[in-house]
N, C-alpha and C. Protein backbone atom coordinates (compact mmCIF):
# COMPACT_ATOMS: atom_id res chain seq x y z
N MET A 1 -67.71 193.17 -54.91
CA MET A 1 -68.91 192.42 -54.53
C MET A 1 -68.58 191.02 -53.58
N LEU A 2 -69.18 190.69 -52.71
CA LEU A 2 -68.86 189.46 -52.04
C LEU A 2 -68.75 188.47 -52.83
N PRO A 3 -67.91 187.67 -53.23
CA PRO A 3 -67.83 186.31 -53.88
C PRO A 3 -69.11 185.08 -54.07
N LEU A 4 -69.59 184.94 -55.01
CA LEU A 4 -70.62 183.78 -54.78
C LEU A 4 -70.09 182.47 -54.02
N GLY A 5 -70.68 181.89 -53.64
CA GLY A 5 -70.41 180.61 -52.93
C GLY A 5 -69.99 180.97 -51.32
N THR A 6 -69.47 182.40 -51.09
CA THR A 6 -68.90 182.78 -49.79
C THR A 6 -70.18 182.52 -48.67
N ILE A 7 -69.64 181.85 -47.59
CA ILE A 7 -70.49 181.53 -46.32
C ILE A 7 -70.79 182.79 -45.69
N ALA A 8 -71.93 182.78 -45.42
CA ALA A 8 -72.83 184.15 -44.80
C ALA A 8 -71.84 184.41 -43.37
N PRO A 9 -71.34 185.66 -43.42
CA PRO A 9 -70.70 186.05 -42.18
C PRO A 9 -71.63 186.13 -41.14
N GLY A 10 -71.33 185.76 -40.06
CA GLY A 10 -72.04 185.79 -38.66
C GLY A 10 -72.37 187.19 -38.34
N PHE A 11 -73.28 187.32 -37.40
CA PHE A 11 -73.57 188.48 -36.72
C PHE A 11 -74.40 188.44 -35.71
N GLN A 12 -74.28 189.44 -34.55
CA GLN A 12 -75.15 189.64 -33.59
C GLN A 12 -75.35 190.75 -33.31
N LEU A 13 -77.02 191.22 -33.74
CA LEU A 13 -77.01 192.67 -33.58
C LEU A 13 -78.49 192.78 -32.85
N PRO A 14 -78.71 194.09 -32.50
CA PRO A 14 -80.16 194.48 -31.80
C PRO A 14 -80.94 194.57 -32.72
N ASP A 15 -82.36 194.31 -32.23
CA ASP A 15 -83.32 194.63 -33.31
C ASP A 15 -83.87 195.88 -32.66
N THR A 16 -85.04 196.29 -33.27
CA THR A 16 -85.95 197.48 -33.15
C THR A 16 -86.31 197.60 -31.41
N ASN A 17 -86.54 196.44 -30.80
CA ASN A 17 -86.96 196.21 -29.52
C ASN A 17 -85.84 196.02 -28.55
N GLY A 18 -84.46 195.89 -29.00
CA GLY A 18 -83.20 195.77 -28.17
C GLY A 18 -82.95 194.32 -28.07
N LYS A 19 -83.68 193.24 -28.75
CA LYS A 19 -83.36 191.90 -28.54
C LYS A 19 -82.25 191.43 -29.63
N VAL A 20 -81.16 190.79 -29.29
CA VAL A 20 -80.08 190.58 -30.09
C VAL A 20 -80.47 189.57 -30.89
N VAL A 21 -80.28 189.52 -32.29
CA VAL A 21 -80.54 188.58 -33.17
C VAL A 21 -79.28 188.25 -33.78
N SER A 22 -79.08 186.93 -33.94
CA SER A 22 -77.74 186.41 -34.73
C SER A 22 -78.24 185.62 -35.88
N LEU A 23 -77.32 185.22 -37.08
CA LEU A 23 -77.38 184.67 -37.95
C LEU A 23 -77.97 183.37 -37.55
N SER A 24 -77.22 182.65 -36.47
CA SER A 24 -77.61 181.23 -35.79
C SER A 24 -79.30 181.16 -35.68
N HIS A 25 -80.07 182.43 -35.60
CA HIS A 25 -81.21 182.24 -35.22
C HIS A 25 -82.17 181.76 -36.51
N PHE A 26 -81.30 181.90 -37.52
CA PHE A 26 -82.06 181.29 -38.82
C PHE A 26 -81.66 179.91 -39.47
N ASN A 27 -80.71 179.30 -38.56
CA ASN A 27 -80.41 177.83 -38.83
C ASN A 27 -81.25 177.06 -39.43
N GLY A 28 -81.18 176.35 -40.46
CA GLY A 28 -82.06 175.24 -40.97
C GLY A 28 -83.14 175.62 -42.02
N ALA A 29 -82.82 177.31 -42.28
CA ALA A 29 -84.11 178.08 -43.20
C ALA A 29 -83.51 177.56 -44.74
N PRO A 30 -84.52 177.07 -45.50
CA PRO A 30 -84.02 176.75 -47.00
C PRO A 30 -83.19 177.91 -47.67
N ALA A 31 -83.67 179.02 -47.11
CA ALA A 31 -83.03 180.13 -48.05
C ALA A 31 -82.89 181.51 -46.82
N THR A 32 -81.82 182.15 -46.95
CA THR A 32 -81.78 183.35 -46.04
C THR A 32 -81.59 184.64 -46.82
N LEU A 33 -82.21 185.39 -46.76
CA LEU A 33 -82.02 187.00 -47.35
C LEU A 33 -81.55 188.07 -46.42
N VAL A 34 -80.53 188.51 -46.55
CA VAL A 34 -79.95 189.53 -45.65
C VAL A 34 -80.01 190.71 -46.68
N MET A 35 -80.51 191.82 -45.99
CA MET A 35 -80.83 193.05 -46.61
C MET A 35 -80.25 194.32 -45.82
N PHE A 36 -79.34 195.04 -46.63
CA PHE A 36 -78.97 196.44 -45.93
C PHE A 36 -79.77 197.33 -46.51
N ILE A 37 -80.63 197.91 -45.53
CA ILE A 37 -81.37 198.98 -45.82
C ILE A 37 -81.38 200.12 -44.81
N CYS A 38 -82.00 201.13 -45.04
CA CYS A 38 -81.97 202.27 -43.94
C CYS A 38 -83.37 202.92 -44.26
N ASN A 39 -83.52 203.99 -43.26
CA ASN A 39 -84.99 204.75 -43.27
C ASN A 39 -84.91 205.87 -44.29
N HIS A 40 -83.85 206.55 -44.34
CA HIS A 40 -83.97 207.98 -45.34
C HIS A 40 -83.62 207.85 -46.69
N CYS A 41 -83.06 206.80 -47.13
CA CYS A 41 -82.48 206.78 -48.41
C CYS A 41 -83.80 206.62 -49.59
N PRO A 42 -84.04 207.41 -50.61
CA PRO A 42 -84.94 207.33 -51.64
C PRO A 42 -85.05 206.42 -52.38
N TYR A 43 -83.89 205.52 -52.45
CA TYR A 43 -84.10 204.01 -53.29
C TYR A 43 -84.74 202.89 -52.26
N VAL A 44 -84.51 203.36 -50.72
CA VAL A 44 -85.38 202.22 -50.04
C VAL A 44 -86.76 202.94 -49.85
N ILE A 45 -87.05 204.27 -49.98
CA ILE A 45 -88.33 204.44 -49.62
C ILE A 45 -89.19 204.03 -50.93
N HIS A 46 -88.68 204.19 -52.00
CA HIS A 46 -89.16 203.81 -53.12
C HIS A 46 -89.75 202.23 -53.33
N ILE A 47 -88.91 201.55 -52.64
CA ILE A 47 -89.26 200.09 -52.75
C ILE A 47 -89.97 199.43 -51.38
N ARG A 48 -89.82 200.22 -50.34
CA ARG A 48 -90.71 199.76 -48.96
C ARG A 48 -91.65 198.89 -49.03
N GLU A 49 -92.58 199.28 -49.67
CA GLU A 49 -93.98 198.67 -49.70
C GLU A 49 -93.89 197.10 -50.08
N GLN A 50 -92.76 197.22 -51.35
CA GLN A 50 -92.65 195.82 -51.77
C GLN A 50 -91.57 195.00 -51.03
N LEU A 51 -90.65 195.86 -50.21
CA LEU A 51 -89.86 194.98 -49.29
C LEU A 51 -90.70 194.23 -48.01
N ALA A 52 -91.69 194.70 -47.75
CA ALA A 52 -92.57 194.40 -46.57
C ALA A 52 -93.44 193.17 -47.27
N LYS A 53 -93.83 193.50 -48.38
CA LYS A 53 -94.72 192.31 -48.92
C LYS A 53 -93.64 191.04 -49.26
N LEU A 54 -92.75 191.27 -49.84
CA LEU A 54 -91.75 190.24 -50.12
C LEU A 54 -91.37 189.72 -48.96
N GLY A 55 -90.97 190.39 -47.87
CA GLY A 55 -90.88 189.81 -46.53
C GLY A 55 -91.65 188.67 -45.92
N ARG A 56 -92.95 189.31 -45.99
CA ARG A 56 -94.29 188.39 -45.48
C ARG A 56 -94.31 187.13 -46.17
N GLU A 57 -94.18 187.19 -47.76
CA GLU A 57 -94.39 186.09 -48.76
C GLU A 57 -93.48 185.10 -48.54
N TYR A 58 -92.08 185.61 -48.39
CA TYR A 58 -91.08 184.51 -48.30
C TYR A 58 -90.91 184.12 -46.83
N GLN A 59 -91.22 184.78 -45.72
CA GLN A 59 -91.33 184.02 -44.60
C GLN A 59 -92.28 183.18 -44.63
N GLU A 60 -93.37 183.04 -45.19
CA GLU A 60 -94.52 182.25 -45.22
C GLU A 60 -94.01 180.77 -45.90
N LYS A 61 -93.00 181.07 -46.88
CA LYS A 61 -92.58 179.94 -47.88
C LYS A 61 -91.30 179.18 -46.99
N GLY A 62 -90.69 179.57 -45.86
CA GLY A 62 -89.96 179.04 -45.08
C GLY A 62 -88.48 179.90 -45.19
N ALA A 63 -88.44 180.91 -45.98
CA ALA A 63 -87.28 181.67 -45.94
C ALA A 63 -86.96 182.52 -44.58
N ALA A 64 -85.68 182.64 -44.25
CA ALA A 64 -85.35 183.45 -43.25
C ALA A 64 -85.10 184.83 -43.94
N VAL A 65 -85.49 186.09 -43.48
CA VAL A 65 -85.43 187.43 -43.92
C VAL A 65 -84.84 188.12 -42.89
N VAL A 66 -84.01 189.03 -43.28
CA VAL A 66 -83.66 189.84 -42.05
C VAL A 66 -82.91 191.29 -42.79
N ALA A 67 -83.08 192.41 -42.17
CA ALA A 67 -82.45 193.68 -42.65
C ALA A 67 -81.60 194.22 -41.77
N ILE A 68 -80.63 194.94 -42.19
CA ILE A 68 -79.61 195.44 -41.30
C ILE A 68 -79.55 196.96 -41.83
N ASN A 69 -79.46 197.78 -40.91
CA ASN A 69 -79.11 199.42 -41.11
C ASN A 69 -77.83 199.59 -40.59
N SER A 70 -76.65 199.98 -41.36
CA SER A 70 -75.45 200.04 -41.17
C SER A 70 -75.01 201.50 -40.92
N ASN A 71 -76.00 202.57 -41.37
CA ASN A 71 -75.67 203.72 -41.34
C ASN A 71 -75.00 204.45 -39.97
N ASP A 72 -74.33 205.45 -40.10
CA ASP A 72 -74.22 206.54 -38.98
C ASP A 72 -75.13 207.19 -38.51
N ALA A 73 -75.73 206.53 -37.51
CA ALA A 73 -76.80 207.47 -36.92
C ALA A 73 -76.53 208.82 -36.22
N LYS A 74 -75.49 209.08 -35.90
CA LYS A 74 -75.01 210.09 -35.29
C LYS A 74 -75.25 211.23 -36.35
N ASN A 75 -74.65 211.17 -37.58
CA ASN A 75 -74.70 212.15 -38.61
C ASN A 75 -75.89 212.06 -39.27
N TYR A 76 -76.68 210.94 -39.26
CA TYR A 76 -78.02 210.77 -40.03
C TYR A 76 -78.99 210.20 -39.17
N PRO A 77 -79.58 210.94 -38.39
CA PRO A 77 -80.43 210.82 -37.20
C PRO A 77 -81.75 210.24 -37.51
N ALA A 78 -82.16 210.22 -39.06
CA ALA A 78 -83.27 209.47 -39.43
C ALA A 78 -82.97 207.84 -39.47
N ASP A 79 -82.01 207.67 -39.30
CA ASP A 79 -81.51 206.11 -39.14
C ASP A 79 -81.07 205.62 -37.96
N SER A 80 -81.65 206.35 -36.82
CA SER A 80 -81.24 206.03 -35.58
C SER A 80 -82.11 204.77 -35.06
N PRO A 81 -81.81 204.03 -34.25
CA PRO A 81 -82.50 202.82 -33.73
C PRO A 81 -84.01 203.18 -33.25
N GLU A 82 -84.26 204.55 -32.87
CA GLU A 82 -85.75 204.73 -32.68
C GLU A 82 -86.27 204.81 -33.74
N LYS A 83 -85.99 205.59 -34.60
CA LYS A 83 -86.60 205.97 -36.14
C LYS A 83 -86.88 204.77 -36.84
N MET A 84 -85.74 203.65 -36.64
CA MET A 84 -86.03 202.33 -37.25
C MET A 84 -87.21 201.44 -36.69
N LYS A 85 -87.48 201.75 -35.03
CA LYS A 85 -88.63 200.95 -34.81
C LYS A 85 -89.86 201.53 -35.13
N GLU A 86 -89.87 202.94 -35.71
CA GLU A 86 -90.88 203.61 -36.25
C GLU A 86 -91.23 203.10 -37.71
N GLU A 87 -90.12 202.93 -38.24
CA GLU A 87 -90.29 202.56 -39.63
C GLU A 87 -90.70 201.06 -39.85
N THR A 88 -90.45 200.18 -38.79
CA THR A 88 -90.62 198.74 -39.06
C THR A 88 -92.20 198.98 -38.81
N ALA A 89 -92.78 199.84 -37.86
CA ALA A 89 -94.15 199.61 -37.81
C ALA A 89 -94.95 200.48 -39.11
N ASN A 90 -94.47 201.69 -39.33
CA ASN A 90 -95.08 202.15 -40.68
C ASN A 90 -95.04 201.54 -41.94
N ALA A 91 -93.66 200.89 -42.22
CA ALA A 91 -93.72 200.10 -43.34
C ALA A 91 -94.72 198.59 -43.25
N GLY A 92 -94.61 198.23 -42.10
CA GLY A 92 -95.34 196.92 -42.12
C GLY A 92 -94.26 195.64 -42.15
N TYR A 93 -92.86 195.72 -41.57
CA TYR A 93 -91.94 194.84 -41.92
C TYR A 93 -92.38 193.80 -40.79
N THR A 94 -92.31 192.58 -40.90
CA THR A 94 -92.42 191.65 -40.13
C THR A 94 -91.15 190.83 -40.04
N PHE A 95 -89.92 191.28 -40.70
CA PHE A 95 -88.80 190.76 -40.38
C PHE A 95 -88.08 191.66 -39.49
N PRO A 96 -86.93 191.12 -38.54
CA PRO A 96 -86.36 191.47 -38.13
C PRO A 96 -85.53 192.77 -38.54
N TYR A 97 -85.38 193.70 -37.79
CA TYR A 97 -84.66 194.88 -38.57
C TYR A 97 -83.67 195.43 -37.67
N LEU A 98 -82.41 195.31 -38.00
CA LEU A 98 -81.18 195.15 -37.05
C LEU A 98 -80.48 196.43 -37.36
N PHE A 99 -79.43 196.97 -36.18
CA PHE A 99 -78.74 198.15 -36.21
C PHE A 99 -77.31 197.54 -36.10
N ASP A 100 -76.36 197.98 -36.94
CA ASP A 100 -74.94 197.75 -37.03
C ASP A 100 -74.35 198.85 -36.71
N GLU A 101 -74.28 199.30 -35.29
CA GLU A 101 -73.67 200.41 -35.11
C GLU A 101 -72.12 200.26 -35.27
N THR A 102 -71.45 199.42 -35.46
CA THR A 102 -70.03 199.42 -35.62
C THR A 102 -69.93 199.34 -36.92
N GLN A 103 -70.78 198.83 -37.75
CA GLN A 103 -70.61 198.89 -39.05
C GLN A 103 -69.81 197.73 -39.74
N GLU A 104 -69.25 196.68 -38.47
CA GLU A 104 -68.55 195.73 -39.14
C GLU A 104 -69.20 194.59 -39.98
N VAL A 105 -70.81 194.77 -39.59
CA VAL A 105 -71.28 193.49 -40.48
C VAL A 105 -71.51 194.08 -41.77
N ALA A 106 -71.51 195.19 -42.20
CA ALA A 106 -71.70 195.75 -43.67
C ALA A 106 -70.39 195.28 -44.13
N LYS A 107 -69.34 195.74 -43.39
CA LYS A 107 -68.01 195.36 -43.96
C LYS A 107 -67.86 193.89 -44.35
N ALA A 108 -68.14 192.91 -43.49
CA ALA A 108 -68.15 191.50 -43.88
C ALA A 108 -68.81 191.23 -44.96
N TYR A 109 -70.08 191.78 -45.14
CA TYR A 109 -70.90 191.31 -46.23
C TYR A 109 -70.51 192.29 -47.60
N ARG A 110 -69.43 193.17 -47.32
CA ARG A 110 -68.96 194.22 -48.48
C ARG A 110 -70.25 194.67 -48.82
N ALA A 111 -71.13 195.10 -48.17
CA ALA A 111 -72.38 195.87 -48.77
C ALA A 111 -71.86 197.19 -48.84
N ALA A 112 -72.42 198.10 -50.04
CA ALA A 112 -72.22 199.01 -50.39
C ALA A 112 -73.16 200.27 -50.44
N CYS A 113 -74.05 199.88 -50.49
CA CYS A 113 -75.41 200.65 -50.64
C CYS A 113 -76.63 200.26 -50.02
N THR A 114 -77.48 201.13 -49.98
CA THR A 114 -79.05 200.76 -49.59
C THR A 114 -80.16 200.89 -50.61
N PRO A 115 -80.63 200.01 -51.03
CA PRO A 115 -80.75 198.51 -50.58
C PRO A 115 -79.51 197.88 -51.32
N ASP A 116 -79.21 196.90 -50.39
CA ASP A 116 -78.08 195.84 -51.01
C ASP A 116 -78.70 194.34 -50.47
N PHE A 117 -78.78 193.32 -51.26
CA PHE A 117 -79.55 192.16 -51.07
C PHE A 117 -78.41 191.01 -51.31
N PHE A 118 -78.61 190.19 -50.33
CA PHE A 118 -77.92 188.97 -50.21
C PHE A 118 -78.58 187.67 -49.93
N VAL A 119 -78.63 186.76 -51.02
CA VAL A 119 -79.39 185.56 -50.88
C VAL A 119 -78.57 184.45 -50.60
N PHE A 120 -78.67 183.58 -49.44
CA PHE A 120 -77.73 182.30 -49.22
C PHE A 120 -78.80 181.15 -49.28
N ASN A 121 -78.16 180.04 -49.54
CA ASN A 121 -78.93 178.81 -49.77
C ASN A 121 -79.02 178.05 -48.57
N LYS A 122 -79.35 176.92 -48.25
CA LYS A 122 -79.54 176.26 -46.97
C LYS A 122 -78.26 175.76 -46.29
N GLU A 123 -77.24 175.80 -47.00
CA GLU A 123 -75.83 175.66 -46.54
C GLU A 123 -75.24 176.86 -46.22
N LEU A 124 -75.86 178.13 -46.28
CA LEU A 124 -75.56 179.50 -46.08
C LEU A 124 -74.58 179.99 -47.02
N LYS A 125 -74.50 179.36 -47.97
CA LYS A 125 -73.64 179.70 -49.51
C LYS A 125 -74.42 180.80 -50.10
N LEU A 126 -73.49 182.11 -50.57
CA LEU A 126 -74.24 183.07 -51.17
C LEU A 126 -74.57 182.80 -52.53
N VAL A 127 -75.57 182.64 -52.83
CA VAL A 127 -75.78 182.40 -54.36
C VAL A 127 -76.63 183.57 -55.04
N TYR A 128 -76.76 184.67 -54.53
CA TYR A 128 -77.37 185.91 -55.18
C TYR A 128 -76.72 187.17 -54.46
N ARG A 129 -76.38 188.23 -54.97
CA ARG A 129 -76.14 189.59 -54.51
C ARG A 129 -76.37 190.48 -55.69
N GLY A 130 -77.47 191.11 -55.49
CA GLY A 130 -77.87 192.16 -56.47
C GLY A 130 -79.00 192.86 -56.42
N GLN A 131 -79.88 193.51 -57.40
CA GLN A 131 -80.94 194.43 -57.23
C GLN A 131 -82.21 193.59 -57.05
N LEU A 132 -82.98 194.44 -56.45
CA LEU A 132 -84.57 193.93 -56.29
C LEU A 132 -85.04 194.00 -57.74
N ASP A 133 -85.07 194.99 -58.40
CA ASP A 133 -85.38 194.83 -59.66
C ASP A 133 -85.12 196.10 -60.55
N ASP A 134 -85.34 196.38 -61.81
CA ASP A 134 -84.96 197.37 -62.64
C ASP A 134 -85.77 198.61 -62.14
N SER A 135 -86.63 198.69 -61.17
CA SER A 135 -87.24 200.11 -60.93
C SER A 135 -86.18 200.93 -60.09
N ARG A 136 -86.29 202.32 -60.35
CA ARG A 136 -85.39 203.12 -59.49
C ARG A 136 -86.48 204.60 -59.42
N PRO A 137 -86.08 205.14 -58.23
CA PRO A 137 -86.91 206.41 -57.84
C PRO A 137 -86.45 207.61 -58.84
N ARG A 138 -87.26 208.66 -58.58
CA ARG A 138 -86.91 209.94 -59.55
C ARG A 138 -86.74 209.79 -60.93
N VAL A 139 -87.32 209.09 -61.65
CA VAL A 139 -87.40 209.13 -63.11
C VAL A 139 -88.69 209.52 -63.57
N ALA A 140 -88.53 209.77 -64.92
CA ALA A 140 -89.96 210.36 -65.30
C ALA A 140 -91.15 209.50 -65.26
N ASN A 141 -90.76 208.16 -65.78
CA ASN A 141 -91.91 207.20 -65.88
C ASN A 141 -91.00 205.84 -65.24
N PRO A 142 -91.20 205.93 -63.76
CA PRO A 142 -90.52 204.82 -63.11
C PRO A 142 -91.14 203.40 -63.38
N LEU A 143 -90.26 202.19 -63.55
CA LEU A 143 -90.79 201.12 -63.75
C LEU A 143 -91.55 200.51 -62.48
N PRO A 144 -92.66 199.77 -62.68
CA PRO A 144 -93.02 199.14 -61.45
C PRO A 144 -92.15 198.53 -60.27
N VAL A 145 -92.52 198.71 -59.19
CA VAL A 145 -91.65 197.92 -58.35
C VAL A 145 -92.18 196.50 -58.15
N THR A 146 -91.61 195.39 -58.73
CA THR A 146 -91.88 194.35 -58.60
C THR A 146 -91.07 193.24 -57.61
N GLY A 147 -89.95 193.49 -57.47
CA GLY A 147 -89.11 192.48 -56.98
C GLY A 147 -88.60 191.22 -57.68
N ARG A 148 -88.65 191.51 -59.22
CA ARG A 148 -88.58 190.30 -60.06
C ARG A 148 -87.00 189.56 -59.98
N ASP A 149 -85.95 190.50 -59.86
CA ASP A 149 -84.80 189.75 -59.72
C ASP A 149 -84.54 188.79 -58.33
N LEU A 150 -84.87 189.65 -57.46
CA LEU A 150 -84.40 189.13 -56.06
C LEU A 150 -85.70 188.05 -55.77
N ARG A 151 -86.82 187.97 -56.25
CA ARG A 151 -87.82 187.02 -56.07
C ARG A 151 -87.16 185.82 -57.04
N ALA A 152 -86.89 186.12 -58.17
CA ALA A 152 -86.43 184.77 -59.06
C ALA A 152 -85.21 184.04 -58.31
N ALA A 153 -84.34 184.76 -57.77
CA ALA A 153 -83.28 184.20 -57.19
C ALA A 153 -83.88 183.41 -55.77
N LEU A 154 -84.66 183.90 -54.98
CA LEU A 154 -85.27 183.35 -53.88
C LEU A 154 -86.20 182.27 -54.28
N ASP A 155 -86.95 182.41 -55.44
CA ASP A 155 -87.75 181.01 -55.76
C ASP A 155 -86.81 179.89 -56.32
N ALA A 156 -85.94 180.31 -57.00
CA ALA A 156 -84.51 179.27 -57.36
C ALA A 156 -84.26 178.45 -56.24
N VAL A 157 -83.77 179.29 -55.20
CA VAL A 157 -83.28 178.50 -54.01
C VAL A 157 -84.12 177.71 -53.32
N LEU A 158 -85.67 178.30 -53.16
CA LEU A 158 -86.29 177.28 -52.47
C LEU A 158 -86.93 176.05 -53.52
N ALA A 159 -86.79 176.36 -54.68
CA ALA A 159 -86.83 175.00 -55.48
C ALA A 159 -85.82 174.23 -55.63
N GLY A 160 -84.54 174.53 -54.87
CA GLY A 160 -83.61 173.55 -55.21
C GLY A 160 -82.67 173.65 -56.67
N GLN A 161 -83.00 174.65 -57.08
CA GLN A 161 -82.24 175.35 -58.52
C GLN A 161 -81.10 176.18 -58.39
N GLU A 162 -80.43 176.02 -59.37
CA GLU A 162 -79.38 177.01 -59.61
C GLU A 162 -79.51 178.39 -59.70
N VAL A 163 -79.25 179.55 -59.21
CA VAL A 163 -79.37 181.03 -59.43
C VAL A 163 -78.28 181.16 -60.53
N PRO A 164 -78.85 182.00 -61.57
CA PRO A 164 -77.80 182.31 -62.56
C PRO A 164 -76.61 183.18 -62.07
N ALA A 165 -75.57 183.10 -62.33
CA ALA A 165 -74.40 183.75 -61.95
C ALA A 165 -74.30 185.31 -62.65
N ASN A 166 -75.12 185.82 -63.72
CA ASN A 166 -75.20 186.76 -64.25
C ASN A 166 -76.11 187.43 -63.20
N GLN A 167 -75.56 188.47 -62.50
CA GLN A 167 -76.52 189.25 -61.66
C GLN A 167 -76.11 190.85 -61.52
N THR A 168 -77.21 191.48 -61.72
CA THR A 168 -77.38 192.96 -61.82
C THR A 168 -76.98 193.60 -59.96
N PRO A 169 -75.99 194.23 -60.20
CA PRO A 169 -75.70 194.83 -58.84
C PRO A 169 -76.91 195.67 -58.37
N SER A 170 -77.10 195.82 -57.17
CA SER A 170 -77.88 196.74 -56.60
C SER A 170 -77.44 198.23 -56.70
N MET A 171 -78.56 199.23 -56.75
CA MET A 171 -78.11 200.74 -56.95
C MET A 171 -79.27 201.53 -55.79
N GLY A 172 -78.17 202.23 -55.26
CA GLY A 172 -78.85 202.97 -54.28
C GLY A 172 -77.84 204.06 -53.55
N CYS A 173 -78.32 204.47 -52.35
CA CYS A 173 -77.42 205.48 -51.41
C CYS A 173 -76.37 204.69 -50.93
N ASN A 174 -75.08 205.30 -51.00
CA ASN A 174 -74.08 204.60 -50.30
C ASN A 174 -74.33 204.36 -48.76
N ILE A 175 -73.59 203.36 -48.35
CA ILE A 175 -73.80 203.44 -47.06
C ILE A 175 -73.25 204.42 -46.25
N LYS A 176 -73.63 205.06 -45.47
CA LYS A 176 -73.28 206.20 -44.37
C LYS A 176 -72.08 205.72 -43.51
N TRP A 177 -70.79 205.85 -44.07
CA TRP A 177 -69.90 205.39 -42.97
C TRP A 177 -69.60 206.39 -42.14
N LYS A 178 -69.19 205.93 -40.83
CA LYS A 178 -68.77 206.99 -39.99
C LYS A 178 -67.34 207.44 -40.44
N HIS A 179 -67.06 208.35 -39.97
CA HIS A 179 -65.75 209.36 -40.37
C HIS A 179 -64.40 208.42 -39.99
N GLY A 180 -63.81 207.96 -41.05
CA GLY A 180 -62.46 207.45 -40.82
C GLY A 180 -63.09 205.78 -40.98
N ASN A 181 -64.14 205.46 -40.99
CA ASN A 181 -64.50 203.98 -40.90
C ASN A 181 -65.05 203.18 -42.46
N GLN A 182 -64.45 204.20 -43.24
CA GLN A 182 -64.92 203.50 -44.80
C GLN A 182 -64.05 202.41 -45.15
N PRO A 183 -64.55 201.46 -45.49
CA PRO A 183 -63.95 199.85 -45.94
C PRO A 183 -62.83 200.41 -47.28
N GLU A 184 -61.95 199.77 -47.51
CA GLU A 184 -61.07 199.65 -48.80
C GLU A 184 -61.84 199.86 -49.82
N TYR A 185 -63.08 199.07 -49.89
CA TYR A 185 -63.72 198.88 -51.20
C TYR A 185 -64.71 200.00 -51.40
N PHE A 186 -64.80 201.04 -50.51
CA PHE A 186 -65.45 202.21 -50.72
C PHE A 186 -64.99 203.21 -51.86
């Protein structure tokens, strides 16, 4: 996992309309949430409504919110930029949804799965890398999707408080690495 205190790795990636978005677009935000998601993963599908809601709520509170898809779109066409555009509309995402074709941004963040969440403070230092909440798909009696853990981290950062260092890693589908492009931590 990316160590707490790490400065957010920069990026310049296209959104679903072809506009290039960089980390510097979010300078000055009191909190920055970088999410690694995709379109086809059952874990992301399970939480997509909460992701859209959380994105809207925290953008209104001044937080910067951005999602990145780093999956191999050639072997997983459901995660292509065209399908990302459809997903943005269907899910109601109000945050930029970016495509990391080279997968270098995922590697820089040490992202391992979809979804994977990273919260940075106003100095762009990592204060949280972990799960949305305890809900999981495909279980007999799933817990409700609340976003409890991620919301607590964002609320703490926005209030100028410390985020507890005891954090539960996210769980989901592994990032679909291009053949031969798997990072050493995979």
